[in-house]
Amino acid sequence: GAEAIFAIGTISGTQQVKGVVAGEGKV
């Protein structure tokens, strides 16, 4: 009888700054 919302997501890739790898971001 209640309104429900379920969510799923991901962020995944390599962070680059001016073409230089600065780190990977994955969550």
mmCIF file of all heavy atoms, coordinates in Angstrom:
data_MODEL
# 
_entry.id   MODEL 
# 
loop_
_atom_site.group_PDB 
_atom_site.id 
_atom_site.type_symbol 
_atom_site.label_atom_id 
_atom_site.label_alt_id 
_atom_site.label_comp_id 
_atom_site.label_asym_id 
_atom_site.label_entity_id 
_atom_site.label_seq_id 
_atom_site.pdbx_PDB_ins_code 
_atom_site.Cartn_x 
_atom_site.Cartn_y 
_atom_site.Cartn_z 
_atom_site.occupancy 
_atom_site.B_iso_or_equiv 
_atom_site.pdbx_formal_charge 
_atom_site.auth_seq_id 
_atom_site.auth_comp_id 
_atom_site.auth_asym_id 
_atom_site.auth_atom_id 
_atom_site.pdbx_PDB_model_num 
ATOM 1   N N   . GLY A 1 1  ? 0.786  -1.223 0.000   1.00 0.00 ? 1  GLY A N   1 
ATOM 2   C CA  . GLY A 1 1  ? 0.000  0.000  0.000   1.00 0.00 ? 1  GLY A CA  1 
ATOM 3   C C   . GLY A 1 1  ? 0.819  1.275  0.000   1.00 0.00 ? 1  GLY A C   1 
ATOM 4   O O   . GLY A 1 1  ? 0.260  2.369  -0.045  1.00 0.00 ? 1  GLY A O   1 
ATOM 5   N N   . ALA A 1 2  ? 2.133  1.145  0.057   1.00 0.00 ? 2  ALA A N   1 
ATOM 6   C CA  . ALA A 1 2  ? 3.018  2.309  0.042   1.00 0.00 ? 2  ALA A CA  1 
ATOM 7   C C   . ALA A 1 2  ? 3.695  2.422  -1.319  1.00 0.00 ? 2  ALA A C   1 
ATOM 8   O O   . ALA A 1 2  ? 3.832  1.442  -2.051  1.00 0.00 ? 2  ALA A O   1 
ATOM 9   C CB  . ALA A 1 2  ? 4.068  2.200  1.137   1.00 0.00 ? 2  ALA A CB  1 
ATOM 10  N N   . GLU A 1 3  ? 4.121  3.613  -1.643  1.00 0.00 ? 3  GLU A N   1 
ATOM 11  C CA  . GLU A 1 3  ? 4.870  3.839  -2.866  1.00 0.00 ? 3  GLU A CA  1 
ATOM 12  C C   . GLU A 1 3  ? 6.331  3.485  -2.612  1.00 0.00 ? 3  GLU A C   1 
ATOM 13  O O   . GLU A 1 3  ? 6.947  3.977  -1.670  1.00 0.00 ? 3  GLU A O   1 
ATOM 14  C CB  . GLU A 1 3  ? 4.743  5.296  -3.288  1.00 0.00 ? 3  GLU A CB  1 
ATOM 15  C CG  . GLU A 1 3  ? 5.345  5.588  -4.647  1.00 0.00 ? 3  GLU A CG  1 
ATOM 16  C CD  . GLU A 1 3  ? 5.133  7.029  -5.062  1.00 0.00 ? 3  GLU A CD  1 
ATOM 17  O OE1 . GLU A 1 3  ? 5.772  7.905  -4.437  1.00 0.00 ? 3  GLU A OE1 1 
ATOM 18  O OE2 . GLU A 1 3  ? 4.347  7.272  -5.982  1.00 0.00 ? 3  GLU A OE2 1 
ATOM 19  N N   . ALA A 1 4  ? 6.888  2.623  -3.471  1.00 0.00 ? 4  ALA A N   1 
ATOM 20  C CA  . ALA A 1 4  ? 8.250  2.125  -3.271  1.00 0.00 ? 4  ALA A CA  1 
ATOM 21  C C   . ALA A 1 4  ? 9.113  2.448  -4.479  1.00 0.00 ? 4  ALA A C   1 
ATOM 22  O O   . ALA A 1 4  ? 8.641  2.422  -5.619  1.00 0.00 ? 4  ALA A O   1 
ATOM 23  C CB  . ALA A 1 4  ? 8.248  0.626  -3.025  1.00 0.00 ? 4  ALA A CB  1 
ATOM 24  N N   . ILE A 1 5  ? 10.379 2.777  -4.217  1.00 0.00 ? 5  ILE A N   1 
ATOM 25  C CA  . ILE A 1 5  ? 11.363 2.986  -5.278  1.00 0.00 ? 5  ILE A CA  1 
ATOM 26  C C   . ILE A 1 5  ? 12.628 2.223  -4.901  1.00 0.00 ? 5  ILE A C   1 
ATOM 27  O O   . ILE A 1 5  ? 13.098 2.300  -3.764  1.00 0.00 ? 5  ILE A O   1 
ATOM 28  C CB  . ILE A 1 5  ? 11.692 4.471  -5.475  1.00 0.00 ? 5  ILE A CB  1 
ATOM 29  C CG1 . ILE A 1 5  ? 10.438 5.266  -5.836  1.00 0.00 ? 5  ILE A CG1 1 
ATOM 30  C CG2 . ILE A 1 5  ? 12.735 4.643  -6.577  1.00 0.00 ? 5  ILE A CG2 1 
ATOM 31  C CD1 . ILE A 1 5  ? 10.682 6.738  -6.070  1.00 0.00 ? 5  ILE A CD1 1 
ATOM 32  N N   . PHE A 1 6  ? 13.163 1.482  -5.876  1.00 0.00 ? 6  PHE A N   1 
ATOM 33  C CA  . PHE A 1 6  ? 14.406 0.756  -5.686  1.00 0.00 ? 6  PHE A CA  1 
ATOM 34  C C   . PHE A 1 6  ? 15.406 1.230  -6.732  1.00 0.00 ? 6  PHE A C   1 
ATOM 35  O O   . PHE A 1 6  ? 15.041 1.445  -7.896  1.00 0.00 ? 6  PHE A O   1 
ATOM 36  C CB  . PHE A 1 6  ? 14.175 -0.750 -5.819  1.00 0.00 ? 6  PHE A CB  1 
ATOM 37  C CG  . PHE A 1 6  ? 13.182 -1.298 -4.835  1.00 0.00 ? 6  PHE A CG  1 
ATOM 38  C CD1 . PHE A 1 6  ? 11.855 -1.475 -5.198  1.00 0.00 ? 6  PHE A CD1 1 
ATOM 39  C CD2 . PHE A 1 6  ? 13.575 -1.613 -3.547  1.00 0.00 ? 6  PHE A CD2 1 
ATOM 40  C CE1 . PHE A 1 6  ? 10.930 -1.968 -4.291  1.00 0.00 ? 6  PHE A CE1 1 
ATOM 41  C CE2 . PHE A 1 6  ? 12.655 -2.106 -2.624  1.00 0.00 ? 6  PHE A CE2 1 
ATOM 42  C CZ  . PHE A 1 6  ? 11.329 -2.285 -3.004  1.00 0.00 ? 6  PHE A CZ  1 
ATOM 43  N N   . ALA A 1 7  ? 16.661 1.405  -6.327  1.00 0.00 ? 7  ALA A N   1 
ATOM 44  C CA  . ALA A 1 7  ? 17.672 1.965  -7.218  1.00 0.00 ? 7  ALA A CA  1 
ATOM 45  C C   . ALA A 1 7  ? 18.946 1.148  -7.183  1.00 0.00 ? 7  ALA A C   1 
ATOM 46  O O   . ALA A 1 7  ? 19.281 0.525  -6.170  1.00 0.00 ? 7  ALA A O   1 
ATOM 47  C CB  . ALA A 1 7  ? 17.983 3.412  -6.826  1.00 0.00 ? 7  ALA A CB  1 
ATOM 48  N N   . ILE A 1 8  ? 19.649 1.165  -8.305  1.00 0.00 ? 8  ILE A N   1 
ATOM 49  C CA  . ILE A 1 8  ? 20.942 0.516  -8.414  1.00 0.00 ? 8  ILE A CA  1 
ATOM 50  C C   . ILE A 1 8  ? 21.792 1.327  -9.388  1.00 0.00 ? 8  ILE A C   1 
ATOM 51  O O   . ILE A 1 8  ? 21.256 1.882  -10.362 1.00 0.00 ? 8  ILE A O   1 
ATOM 52  C CB  . ILE A 1 8  ? 20.806 -0.943 -8.909  1.00 0.00 ? 8  ILE A CB  1 
ATOM 53  C CG1 . ILE A 1 8  ? 22.167 -1.659 -8.908  1.00 0.00 ? 8  ILE A CG1 1 
ATOM 54  C CG2 . ILE A 1 8  ? 20.143 -1.009 -10.280 1.00 0.00 ? 8  ILE A CG2 1 
ATOM 55  C CD1 . ILE A 1 8  ? 22.058 -3.139 -9.188  1.00 0.00 ? 8  ILE A CD1 1 
ATOM 56  N N   . GLY A 1 9  ? 23.084 1.439  -9.111  1.00 0.00 ? 9  GLY A N   1 
ATOM 57  C CA  . GLY A 1 9  ? 23.924 2.226  -10.006 1.00 0.00 ? 9  GLY A CA  1 
ATOM 58  C C   . GLY A 1 9  ? 25.401 1.966  -9.793  1.00 0.00 ? 9  GLY A C   1 
ATOM 59  O O   . GLY A 1 9  ? 25.815 1.383  -8.786  1.00 0.00 ? 9  GLY A O   1 
ATOM 60  N N   . THR A 1 10 ? 26.188 2.418  -10.754 1.00 0.00 ? 10 THR A N   1 
ATOM 61  C CA  . THR A 1 10 ? 27.637 2.277  -10.645 1.00 0.00 ? 10 THR A CA  1 
ATOM 62  C C   . THR A 1 10 ? 28.333 3.401  -11.408 1.00 0.00 ? 10 THR A C   1 
ATOM 63  O O   . THR A 1 10 ? 27.811 3.902  -12.411 1.00 0.00 ? 10 THR A O   1 
ATOM 64  C CB  . THR A 1 10 ? 28.109 0.913  -11.183 1.00 0.00 ? 10 THR A CB  1 
ATOM 65  O OG1 . THR A 1 10 ? 29.522 0.782  -10.980 1.00 0.00 ? 10 THR A OG1 1 
ATOM 66  C CG2 . THR A 1 10 ? 27.816 0.772  -12.667 1.00 0.00 ? 10 THR A CG2 1 
ATOM 67  N N   . ILE A 1 11 ? 29.473 3.800  -10.910 1.00 0.00 ? 11 ILE A N   1 
ATOM 68  C CA  . ILE A 1 11 ? 30.397 4.692  -11.615 1.00 0.00 ? 11 ILE A CA  1 
ATOM 69  C C   . ILE A 1 11 ? 31.723 3.950  -11.677 1.00 0.00 ? 11 ILE A C   1 
ATOM 70  O O   . ILE A 1 11 ? 32.231 3.494  -10.651 1.00 0.00 ? 11 ILE A O   1 
ATOM 71  C CB  . ILE A 1 11 ? 30.581 6.028  -10.890 1.00 0.00 ? 11 ILE A CB  1 
ATOM 72  C CG1 . ILE A 1 11 ? 29.250 6.773  -10.781 1.00 0.00 ? 11 ILE A CG1 1 
ATOM 73  C CG2 . ILE A 1 11 ? 31.606 6.907  -11.617 1.00 0.00 ? 11 ILE A CG2 1 
ATOM 74  C CD1 . ILE A 1 11 ? 29.327 8.033  -9.927  1.00 0.00 ? 11 ILE A CD1 1 
ATOM 75  N N   . SER A 1 12 ? 32.287 3.803  -12.872 1.00 0.00 ? 12 SER A N   1 
ATOM 76  C CA  . SER A 1 12 ? 33.516 3.022  -12.993 1.00 0.00 ? 12 SER A CA  1 
ATOM 77  C C   . SER A 1 12 ? 34.306 3.490  -14.204 1.00 0.00 ? 12 SER A C   1 
ATOM 78  O O   . SER A 1 12 ? 33.794 3.493  -15.325 1.00 0.00 ? 12 SER A O   1 
ATOM 79  C CB  . SER A 1 12 ? 33.188 1.530  -13.125 1.00 0.00 ? 12 SER A CB  1 
ATOM 80  O OG  . SER A 1 12 ? 34.368 0.759  -13.215 1.00 0.00 ? 12 SER A OG  1 
ATOM 81  N N   . GLY A 1 13 ? 35.540 3.906  -13.974 1.00 0.00 ? 13 GLY A N   1 
ATOM 82  C CA  . GLY A 1 13 ? 36.370 4.348  -15.075 1.00 0.00 ? 13 GLY A CA  1 
ATOM 83  C C   . GLY A 1 13 ? 37.657 4.967  -14.573 1.00 0.00 ? 13 GLY A C   1 
ATOM 84  O O   . GLY A 1 13 ? 37.937 4.998  -13.377 1.00 0.00 ? 13 GLY A O   1 
ATOM 85  N N   . THR A 1 14 ? 38.448 5.472  -15.487 1.00 0.00 ? 14 THR A N   1 
ATOM 86  C CA  . THR A 1 14 ? 39.736 6.080  -15.172 1.00 0.00 ? 14 THR A CA  1 
ATOM 87  C C   . THR A 1 14 ? 39.650 7.595  -15.269 1.00 0.00 ? 14 THR A C   1 
ATOM 88  O O   . THR A 1 14 ? 39.187 8.136  -16.268 1.00 0.00 ? 14 THR A O   1 
ATOM 89  C CB  . THR A 1 14 ? 40.829 5.584  -16.128 1.00 0.00 ? 14 THR A CB  1 
ATOM 90  O OG1 . THR A 1 14 ? 40.931 4.165  -16.024 1.00 0.00 ? 14 THR A OG1 1 
ATOM 91  C CG2 . THR A 1 14 ? 42.177 6.189  -15.768 1.00 0.00 ? 14 THR A CG2 1 
ATOM 92  N N   . GLN A 1 15 ? 40.060 8.262  -14.215 1.00 0.00 ? 15 GLN A N   1 
ATOM 93  C CA  . GLN A 1 15 ? 40.106 9.719  -14.202 1.00 0.00 ? 15 GLN A CA  1 
ATOM 94  C C   . GLN A 1 15 ? 41.413 10.172 -14.860 1.00 0.00 ? 15 GLN A C   1 
ATOM 95  O O   . GLN A 1 15 ? 42.497 9.781  -14.430 1.00 0.00 ? 15 GLN A O   1 
ATOM 96  C CB  . GLN A 1 15 ? 40.063 10.240 -12.769 1.00 0.00 ? 15 GLN A CB  1 
ATOM 97  C CG  . GLN A 1 15 ? 40.188 11.745 -12.630 1.00 0.00 ? 15 GLN A CG  1 
ATOM 98  C CD  . GLN A 1 15 ? 38.846 12.444 -12.731 1.00 0.00 ? 15 GLN A CD  1 
ATOM 99  O OE1 . GLN A 1 15 ? 37.997 12.273 -11.902 1.00 0.00 ? 15 GLN A OE1 1 
ATOM 100 N NE2 . GLN A 1 15 ? 38.683 13.271 -13.757 1.00 0.00 ? 15 GLN A NE2 1 
ATOM 101 N N   . GLN A 1 16 ? 41.274 10.989 -15.890 1.00 0.00 ? 16 GLN A N   1 
ATOM 102 C CA  . GLN A 1 16 ? 42.452 11.527 -16.560 1.00 0.00 ? 16 GLN A CA  1 
ATOM 103 C C   . GLN A 1 16 ? 42.414 13.048 -16.517 1.00 0.00 ? 16 GLN A C   1 
ATOM 104 O O   . GLN A 1 16 ? 41.357 13.661 -16.641 1.00 0.00 ? 16 GLN A O   1 
ATOM 105 C CB  . GLN A 1 16 ? 42.514 11.055 -18.016 1.00 0.00 ? 16 GLN A CB  1 
ATOM 106 C CG  . GLN A 1 16 ? 42.674 9.555  -18.155 1.00 0.00 ? 16 GLN A CG  1 
ATOM 107 C CD  . GLN A 1 16 ? 42.883 9.134  -19.596 1.00 0.00 ? 16 GLN A CD  1 
ATOM 108 O OE1 . GLN A 1 16 ? 43.190 9.949  -20.448 1.00 0.00 ? 16 GLN A OE1 1 
ATOM 109 N NE2 . GLN A 1 16 ? 42.722 7.848  -19.854 1.00 0.00 ? 16 GLN A NE2 1 
ATOM 110 N N   . VAL A 1 17 ? 43.558 13.629 -16.314 1.00 0.00 ? 17 VAL A N   1 
ATOM 111 C CA  . VAL A 1 17 ? 43.703 15.079 -16.307 1.00 0.00 ? 17 VAL A CA  1 
ATOM 112 C C   . VAL A 1 17 ? 44.726 15.459 -17.360 1.00 0.00 ? 17 VAL A C   1 
ATOM 113 O O   . VAL A 1 17 ? 45.904 15.094 -17.253 1.00 0.00 ? 17 VAL A O   1 
ATOM 114 C CB  . VAL A 1 17 ? 44.133 15.596 -14.919 1.00 0.00 ? 17 VAL A CB  1 
ATOM 115 C CG1 . VAL A 1 17 ? 44.312 17.101 -14.946 1.00 0.00 ? 17 VAL A CG1 1 
ATOM 116 C CG2 . VAL A 1 17 ? 43.101 15.204 -13.865 1.00 0.00 ? 17 VAL A CG2 1 
ATOM 117 N N   . LYS A 1 18 ? 44.261 16.150 -18.405 1.00 0.00 ? 18 LYS A N   1 
ATOM 118 C CA  . LYS A 1 18 ? 45.118 16.527 -19.528 1.00 0.00 ? 18 LYS A CA  1 
ATOM 119 C C   . LYS A 1 18 ? 45.852 15.319 -20.106 1.00 0.00 ? 18 LYS A C   1 
ATOM 120 O O   . LYS A 1 18 ? 47.040 15.357 -20.419 1.00 0.00 ? 18 LYS A O   1 
ATOM 121 C CB  . LYS A 1 18 ? 46.118 17.608 -19.096 1.00 0.00 ? 18 LYS A CB  1 
ATOM 122 C CG  . LYS A 1 18 ? 45.454 18.919 -18.702 1.00 0.00 ? 18 LYS A CG  1 
ATOM 123 C CD  . LYS A 1 18 ? 46.480 19.981 -18.329 1.00 0.00 ? 18 LYS A CD  1 
ATOM 124 C CE  . LYS A 1 18 ? 45.815 21.302 -17.988 1.00 0.00 ? 18 LYS A CE  1 
ATOM 125 N NZ  . LYS A 1 18 ? 46.794 22.353 -17.626 1.00 0.00 ? 18 LYS A NZ  1 
ATOM 126 N N   . GLY A 1 19 ? 45.117 14.196 -20.218 1.00 0.00 ? 19 GLY A N   1 
ATOM 127 C CA  . GLY A 1 19 ? 45.668 12.995 -20.817 1.00 0.00 ? 19 GLY A CA  1 
ATOM 128 C C   . GLY A 1 19 ? 46.512 12.139 -19.902 1.00 0.00 ? 19 GLY A C   1 
ATOM 129 O O   . GLY A 1 19 ? 46.981 11.077 -20.298 1.00 0.00 ? 19 GLY A O   1 
ATOM 130 N N   . VAL A 1 20 ? 46.707 12.563 -18.656 1.00 0.00 ? 20 VAL A N   1 
ATOM 131 C CA  . VAL A 1 20 ? 47.523 11.807 -17.701 1.00 0.00 ? 20 VAL A CA  1 
ATOM 132 C C   . VAL A 1 20 ? 46.598 11.134 -16.689 1.00 0.00 ? 20 VAL A C   1 
ATOM 133 O O   . VAL A 1 20 ? 45.722 11.780 -16.111 1.00 0.00 ? 20 VAL A O   1 
ATOM 134 C CB  . VAL A 1 20 ? 48.515 12.729 -16.969 1.00 0.00 ? 20 VAL A CB  1 
ATOM 135 C CG1 . VAL A 1 20 ? 49.327 11.923 -15.946 1.00 0.00 ? 20 VAL A CG1 1 
ATOM 136 C CG2 . VAL A 1 20 ? 49.444 13.400 -17.973 1.00 0.00 ? 20 VAL A CG2 1 
ATOM 137 N N   . VAL A 1 21 ? 46.784 9.834  -16.467 1.00 0.00 ? 21 VAL A N   1 
ATOM 138 C CA  . VAL A 1 21 ? 45.944 9.099  -15.528 1.00 0.00 ? 21 VAL A CA  1 
ATOM 139 C C   . VAL A 1 21 ? 46.173 9.616  -14.109 1.00 0.00 ? 21 VAL A C   1 
ATOM 140 O O   . VAL A 1 21 ? 47.304 9.639  -13.618 1.00 0.00 ? 21 VAL A O   1 
ATOM 141 C CB  . VAL A 1 21 ? 46.252 7.590  -15.587 1.00 0.00 ? 21 VAL A CB  1 
ATOM 142 C CG1 . VAL A 1 21 ? 45.467 6.848  -14.515 1.00 0.00 ? 21 VAL A CG1 1 
ATOM 143 C CG2 . VAL A 1 21 ? 45.895 7.051  -16.973 1.00 0.00 ? 21 VAL A CG2 1 
ATOM 144 N N   . ALA A 1 22 ? 45.106 10.054 -13.452 1.00 0.00 ? 22 ALA A N   1 
ATOM 145 C CA  . ALA A 1 22 ? 45.207 10.551 -12.082 1.00 0.00 ? 22 ALA A CA  1 
ATOM 146 C C   . ALA A 1 22 ? 44.612 9.583  -11.082 1.00 0.00 ? 22 ALA A C   1 
ATOM 147 O O   . ALA A 1 22 ? 44.767 9.763  -9.881  1.00 0.00 ? 22 ALA A O   1 
ATOM 148 C CB  . ALA A 1 22 ? 44.499 11.911 -11.962 1.00 0.00 ? 22 ALA A CB  1 
ATOM 149 N N   . GLY A 1 23 ? 43.929 8.557  -11.553 1.00 0.00 ? 23 GLY A N   1 
ATOM 150 C CA  . GLY A 1 23 ? 43.359 7.576  -10.646 1.00 0.00 ? 23 GLY A CA  1 
ATOM 151 C C   . GLY A 1 23 ? 42.128 6.923  -11.225 1.00 0.00 ? 23 GLY A C   1 
ATOM 152 O O   . GLY A 1 23 ? 41.554 7.400  -12.198 1.00 0.00 ? 23 GLY A O   1 
ATOM 153 N N   . GLU A 1 24 ? 41.753 5.810  -10.619 1.00 0.00 ? 24 GLU A N   1 
ATOM 154 C CA  . GLU A 1 24 ? 40.535 5.115  -11.034 1.00 0.00 ? 24 GLU A CA  1 
ATOM 155 C C   . GLU A 1 24 ? 39.417 5.426  -10.058 1.00 0.00 ? 24 GLU A C   1 
ATOM 156 O O   . GLU A 1 24 ? 39.618 5.499  -8.849  1.00 0.00 ? 24 GLU A O   1 
ATOM 157 C CB  . GLU A 1 24 ? 40.768 3.609  -11.073 1.00 0.00 ? 24 GLU A CB  1 
ATOM 158 C CG  . GLU A 1 24 ? 39.544 2.843  -11.574 1.00 0.00 ? 24 GLU A CG  1 
ATOM 159 C CD  . GLU A 1 24 ? 39.736 1.339  -11.507 1.00 0.00 ? 24 GLU A CD  1 
ATOM 160 O OE1 . GLU A 1 24 ? 40.322 0.874  -10.516 1.00 0.00 ? 24 GLU A OE1 1 
ATOM 161 O OE2 . GLU A 1 24 ? 39.303 0.651  -12.434 1.00 0.00 ? 24 GLU A OE2 1 
ATOM 162 N N   . GLY A 1 25 ? 38.219 5.619  -10.587 1.00 0.00 ? 25 GLY A N   1 
ATOM 163 C CA  . GLY A 1 25 ? 37.055 5.812  -9.753  1.00 0.00 ? 25 GLY A CA  1 
ATOM 164 C C   . GLY A 1 25 ? 36.079 4.678  -9.963  1.00 0.00 ? 25 GLY A C   1 
ATOM 165 O O   . GLY A 1 25 ? 35.625 4.441  -11.083 1.00 0.00 ? 25 GLY A O   1 
ATOM 166 N N   . LYS A 1 26 ? 35.760 3.951  -8.905  1.00 0.00 ? 26 LYS A N   1 
ATOM 167 C CA  . LYS A 1 26 ? 34.851 2.825  -9.026  1.00 0.00 ? 26 LYS A CA  1 
ATOM 168 C C   . LYS A 1 26 ? 33.985 2.756  -7.774  1.00 0.00 ? 26 LYS A C   1 
ATOM 169 O O   . LYS A 1 26 ? 34.504 2.694  -6.651  1.00 0.00 ? 26 LYS A O   1 
ATOM 170 C CB  . LYS A 1 26 ? 35.629 1.529  -9.208  1.00 0.00 ? 26 LYS A CB  1 
ATOM 171 C CG  . LYS A 1 26 ? 34.736 0.295  -9.386  1.00 0.00 ? 26 LYS A CG  1 
ATOM 172 C CD  . LYS A 1 26 ? 35.560 -0.970 -9.522  1.00 0.00 ? 26 LYS A CD  1 
ATOM 173 C CE  . LYS A 1 26 ? 36.330 -0.970 -10.844 1.00 0.00 ? 26 LYS A CE  1 
ATOM 174 N NZ  . LYS A 1 26 ? 37.034 -2.265 -11.053 1.00 0.00 ? 26 LYS A NZ  1 
ATOM 175 N N   . VAL A 1 27 ? 32.651 2.771  -7.961  1.00 0.00 ? 27 VAL A N   1 
ATOM 176 C CA  . VAL A 1 27 ? 31.738 2.676  -6.830  1.00 0.00 ? 27 VAL A CA  1 
ATOM 177 C C   . VAL A 1 27 ? 30.433 2.045  -7.303  1.00 0.00 ? 27 VAL A C   1 
ATOM 178 O O   . VAL A 1 27 ? 30.019 2.208  -8.451  1.00 0.00 ? 27 VAL A O   1 
ATOM 179 C CB  . VAL A 1 27 ? 31.481 4.070  -6.208  1.00 0.00 ? 27 VAL A CB  1 
ATOM 180 C CG1 . VAL A 1 27 ? 30.763 4.989  -7.192  1.00 0.00 ? 27 VAL A CG1 1 
ATOM 181 C CG2 . VAL A 1 27 ? 30.693 3.964  -4.905  1.00 0.00 ? 27 VAL A CG2 1 
# 
